[in-house]
C-alpha atoms as a PDB file:
ATOM      1  CA  MET A   1      79.227 155.373-120.984  1.00  0.00           C
ATOM      2  CA  VAL A   2      79.793 151.718-121.162  1.00  0.00           C
ATOM      3  CA  ASP A   3      83.846 151.776-121.012  1.00  0.00           C
ATOM      4  CA  ARG A   4      83.271 154.389-118.264  1.00  0.00           C
ATOM      5  CA  ALA A   5      80.952 152.719-116.197  1.00  0.00           C
ATOM      6  CA  ALA A   6      83.112 149.145-116.863  1.00  0.00           C
ATOM      7  CA  ALA A   7      86.379 150.953-115.440  1.00  0.00           C
ATOM      8  CA  VAL A   8      85.130 152.246-112.320  1.00  0.00           C
ATOM      9  CA  ALA A   9      84.115 148.496-111.962  1.00  0.00           C
ATOM     10  CA  ALA A  10      87.723 147.273-112.505  1.00  0.00           C
ATOM     11  CA  MET A  11      89.418 150.138-110.705  1.00  0.00           C
ATOM     12  CA  ARG A  12      86.931 149.573-107.503  1.00  0.00           C
ATOM     13  CA  HIS A  13      88.120 145.741-107.740  1.00  0.00           C
ATOM     14  CA  SER A  14      91.873 146.347-108.383  1.00  0.00           C
ATOM     15  CA  GLY A  15      92.517 149.718-106.570  1.00  0.00           C
ATOM     16  CA  HIS A  16      94.595 150.789-109.305  1.00  0.00           C
ATOM     17  CA  ALA A  17      94.102 152.517-112.695  1.00  0.00           C
ATOM     18  CA  CYS A  18      92.777 150.015-115.485  1.00  0.00           C
ATOM     19  CA  VAL A  19      93.552 150.611-119.190  1.00  0.00           C
ATOM     20  CA  THR A  20      90.872 148.892-121.403  1.00  0.00           C
ATOM     21  CA  VAL A  21      92.430 146.267-123.762  1.00  0.00           C
ATOM     22  CA  SER A  22      88.998 145.197-125.685  1.00  0.00           C
ATOM     23  CA  ILE A  23      85.450 145.491-125.924  1.00  0.00           C
ATOM     24  CA  ASP A  24      83.575 142.951-127.339  1.00  0.00           C
ATOM     25  CA  ARG A  25      80.698 142.721-129.923  1.00  0.00           C
ATOM     26  CA  VAL A  26      77.931 145.362-128.759  1.00  0.00           C
ATOM     27  CA  ASP A  27      74.778 145.015-130.586  1.00  0.00           C
ATOM     28  CA  PHE A  28      71.640 146.986-129.530  1.00  0.00           C
ATOM     29  CA  ARG A  29      68.386 145.052-128.835  1.00  0.00           C
ATOM     30  CA  GLU A  30      66.271 147.990-128.666  1.00  0.00           C
ATOM     31  CA  PRO A  31      67.012 151.614-129.474  1.00  0.00           C
ATOM     32  CA  ILE A  32      67.892 154.758-127.201  1.00  0.00           C
ATOM     33  CA  TYR A  33      65.464 157.335-128.005  1.00  0.00           C
ATOM     34  CA  SER A  34      66.630 160.977-127.742  1.00  0.00           C
ATOM     35  CA  GLY A  35      65.947 162.336-124.498  1.00  0.00           C
ATOM     36  CA  TRP A  36      65.257 159.179-122.685  1.00  0.00           C
ATOM     37  CA  LEU A  37      67.546 157.797-119.557  1.00  0.00           C
ATOM     38  CA  VAL A  38      70.515 155.583-119.947  1.00  0.00           C
ATOM     39  CA  THR A  39      71.873 153.597-117.008  1.00  0.00           C
ATOM     40  CA  CYS A  40      74.762 151.146-117.126  1.00  0.00           C
ATOM     41  CA  ARG A  41      75.565 148.715-114.423  1.00  0.00           C
ATOM     42  CA  ALA A  42      79.161 147.172-114.386  1.00  0.00           C
ATOM     43  CA  GLN A  43      80.207 144.215-112.988  1.00  0.00           C
ATOM     44  CA  VAL A  44      83.374 142.142-112.801  1.00  0.00           C
ATOM     45  CA  ASN A  45      82.646 138.630-114.009  1.00  0.00           C
ATOM     46  CA  TYR A  46      86.051 137.186-114.052  1.00  0.00           C
ATOM     47  CA  VAL A  47      90.285 138.085-112.596  1.00  0.00           C
ATOM     48  CA  GLY A  48      93.063 136.703-114.173  1.00  0.00           C
ATOM     49  CA  ARG A  49      96.649 137.784-113.034  1.00  0.00           C
ATOM     50  CA  THR A  50      96.445 141.275-113.851  1.00  0.00           C
ATOM     51  CA  SER A  51      93.482 141.513-116.179  1.00  0.00           C
ATOM     52  CA  MET A  52      89.674 141.954-115.444  1.00  0.00           C
ATOM     53  CA  GLU A  53      86.473 141.213-117.549  1.00  0.00           C
ATOM     54  CA  VAL A  54      83.654 143.272-116.682  1.00  0.00           C
ATOM     55  CA  GLY A  55      80.073 142.989-117.579  1.00  0.00           C
ATOM     56  CA  VAL A  56      78.134 145.862-118.559  1.00  0.00           C
ATOM     57  CA  THR A  57      74.171 146.225-119.006  1.00  0.00           C
ATOM     58  CA  VAL A  58      72.781 149.224-120.550  1.00  0.00           C
ATOM     59  CA  GLU A  59      69.221 150.200-119.719  1.00  0.00           C
ATOM     60  CA  SER A  60      67.153 152.993-121.321  1.00  0.00           C
ATOM     61  CA  GLU A  61      63.732 154.825-119.721  1.00  0.00           C
ATOM     62  CA  ASN A  62      61.225 156.583-120.885  1.00  0.00           C
ATOM     63  CA  PRO A  63      61.256 159.291-118.541  1.00  0.00           C
ATOM     64  CA  LEU A  64      57.555 160.553-119.259  1.00  0.00           C
ATOM     65  CA  THR A  65      56.367 156.662-118.669  1.00  0.00           C
ATOM     66  CA  GLY A  66      59.124 155.335-116.628  1.00  0.00           C
ATOM     67  CA  VAL A  67      58.961 151.934-118.702  1.00  0.00           C
ATOM     68  CA  SER A  68      62.686 150.758-119.080  1.00  0.00           C
ATOM     69  CA  ARG A  69      64.140 148.128-120.770  1.00  0.00           C
ATOM     70  CA  LEU A  70      67.021 146.634-121.679  1.00  0.00           C
ATOM     71  CA  THR A  71      68.756 147.818-124.840  1.00  0.00           C
ATOM     72  CA  ASN A  72      72.179 145.889-124.862  1.00  0.00           C
ATOM     73  CA  THR A  73      75.043 143.905-122.794  1.00  0.00           C
ATOM     74  CA  CYS A  74      78.826 143.659-123.618  1.00  0.00           C
ATOM     75  CA  TYR A  75      81.845 142.514-122.172  1.00  0.00           C
ATOM     76  CA  LEU A  76      85.223 144.465-121.638  1.00  0.00           C
ATOM     77  CA  THR A  77      88.370 143.482-120.627  1.00  0.00           C
ATOM     78  CA  PHE A  78      90.801 145.761-118.724  1.00  0.00           C
ATOM     79  CA  VAL A  79      94.382 145.493-117.187  1.00  0.00           C
ATOM     80  CA  ALA A  80      95.117 147.015-113.866  1.00  0.00           C
ATOM     81  CA  VAL A  81      98.622 149.330-114.043  1.00  0.00           C
ATOM     82  CA  HIS A  82     100.875 151.100-111.531  1.00  0.00           C
ATOM     83  CA  ASP A  83     101.741 154.286-111.876  1.00  0.00           C
ATOM     84  CA  ASP A  84     104.393 153.872-114.426  1.00  0.00           C
ATOM     85  CA  GLY A  85     102.076 151.604-116.777  1.00  0.00           C
ATOM     86  CA  ARG A  86     103.117 147.996-116.060  1.00  0.00           C
ATOM     87  CA  PRO A  87     100.653 145.525-115.126  1.00  0.00           C
ATOM     88  CA  VAL A  88      99.750 144.658-111.677  1.00  0.00           C
ATOM     89  CA  GLU A  89      98.238 141.595-110.029  1.00  0.00           C
ATOM     90  CA  VAL A  90      94.300 142.191-108.961  1.00  0.00           C
ATOM     91  CA  PRO A  91      92.609 140.768-105.983  1.00  0.00           C
ATOM     92  CA  ARG A  92      90.938 137.406-106.660  1.00  0.00           C
ATOM     93  CA  LEU A  93      87.427 137.478-106.918  1.00  0.00           C
ATOM     94  CA  GLU A  94      85.490 136.336-103.890  1.00  0.00           C
ATOM     95  CA  LEU A  95      82.617 134.305-105.427  1.00  0.00           C
ATOM     96  CA  GLN A  96      79.769 134.081-102.994  1.00  0.00           C
ATOM     97  CA  THR A  97      76.684 132.823-104.936  1.00  0.00           C
ATOM     98  CA  GLY A  98      76.173 130.064-107.784  1.00  0.00           C
ATOM     99  CA  GLU A  99      75.357 132.973-110.092  1.00  0.00           C
ATOM    100  CA  GLU A 100      78.686 134.406-109.500  1.00  0.00           C
ATOM    101  CA  GLU A 101      80.653 131.335-109.905  1.00  0.00           C
ATOM    102  CA  GLN A 102      78.892 130.767-113.495  1.00  0.00           C
ATOM    103  CA  ARG A 103      79.626 134.313-114.273  1.00  0.00           C
ATOM    104  CA  PHE A 104      83.142 133.516-113.784  1.00  0.00           C
ATOM    105  CA  ARG A 105      83.210 130.073-115.614  1.00  0.00           C
ATOM    106  CA  GLU A 106      81.774 131.833-118.558  1.00  0.00           C
ATOM    107  CA  GLY A 107      83.983 134.751-118.508  1.00  0.00           C
ATOM    108  CA  ALA A 108      87.055 132.285-118.273  1.00  0.00           C
ATOM    109  CA  ARG A 109      85.565 130.561-121.018  1.00  0.00           C
ATOM    110  CA  ARG A 110      85.304 133.975-123.242  1.00  0.00           C
ATOM    111  CA  ARG A 111      88.623 134.727-122.181  1.00  0.00           C
ATOM    112  CA  GLU A 112      89.973 131.341-123.666  1.00  0.00           C
ATOM    113  CA  VAL A 113      88.490 132.255-126.770  1.00  0.00           C
ATOM    114  CA  ARG A 114      89.542 135.806-126.979  1.00  0.00           C
ATOM    115  CA  GLN A 115      93.242 134.244-126.398  1.00  0.00           C
ATOM    116  CA  ALA A 116      92.393 131.795-129.302  1.00  0.00           C
ATOM    117  CA  LEU A 117      91.359 134.315-131.468  1.00  0.00           C
ATOM    118  CA  ALA A 118      94.269 136.523-130.781  1.00  0.00           C
ATOM    119  CA  LYS A 119      96.802 133.746-131.380  1.00  0.00           C
ATOM    120  CA  GLU A 120      94.969 132.966-134.726  1.00  0.00           C
ATOM    121  CA  LEU A 121      95.282 136.598-135.887  1.00  0.00           C
ATOM    122  CA  GLY A 122      99.043 136.686-134.495  1.00  0.00           C
ATOM    123  CA  GLU A 123      98.527 139.282-131.901  1.00  0.00           C
ATOM    124  CA  GLY A 124     100.362 137.190-129.358  1.00  0.00           C
ATOM    125  CA  ARG A 125      98.023 138.071-126.448  1.00  0.00           C
END
């Protein structure tokens, strides 16, 4: 569900098909019980040349009481691709609020960490 929600946000932003490059660590803060409603909210936080970081929050709701709680958050990276599978440039983010600017800066920092780790592991991304 998380990947699907994030993919829709990435495709809407880029206007292209997108492929998942990575999913950061996912830790559950709260359990999701069988029969509860689950809602995923996805938002593009950071945009590079062809890649995007999408943040997803997951909430679960008890359908009998209406009580909702945050169960987890995570970050996914996508690359927009042409029909032939080659990466395509994506539009810049139009940052309109201080919160959006902060998410963008934090996304850029996480990207640097991911790239440094990939280099350290010899993945060359």
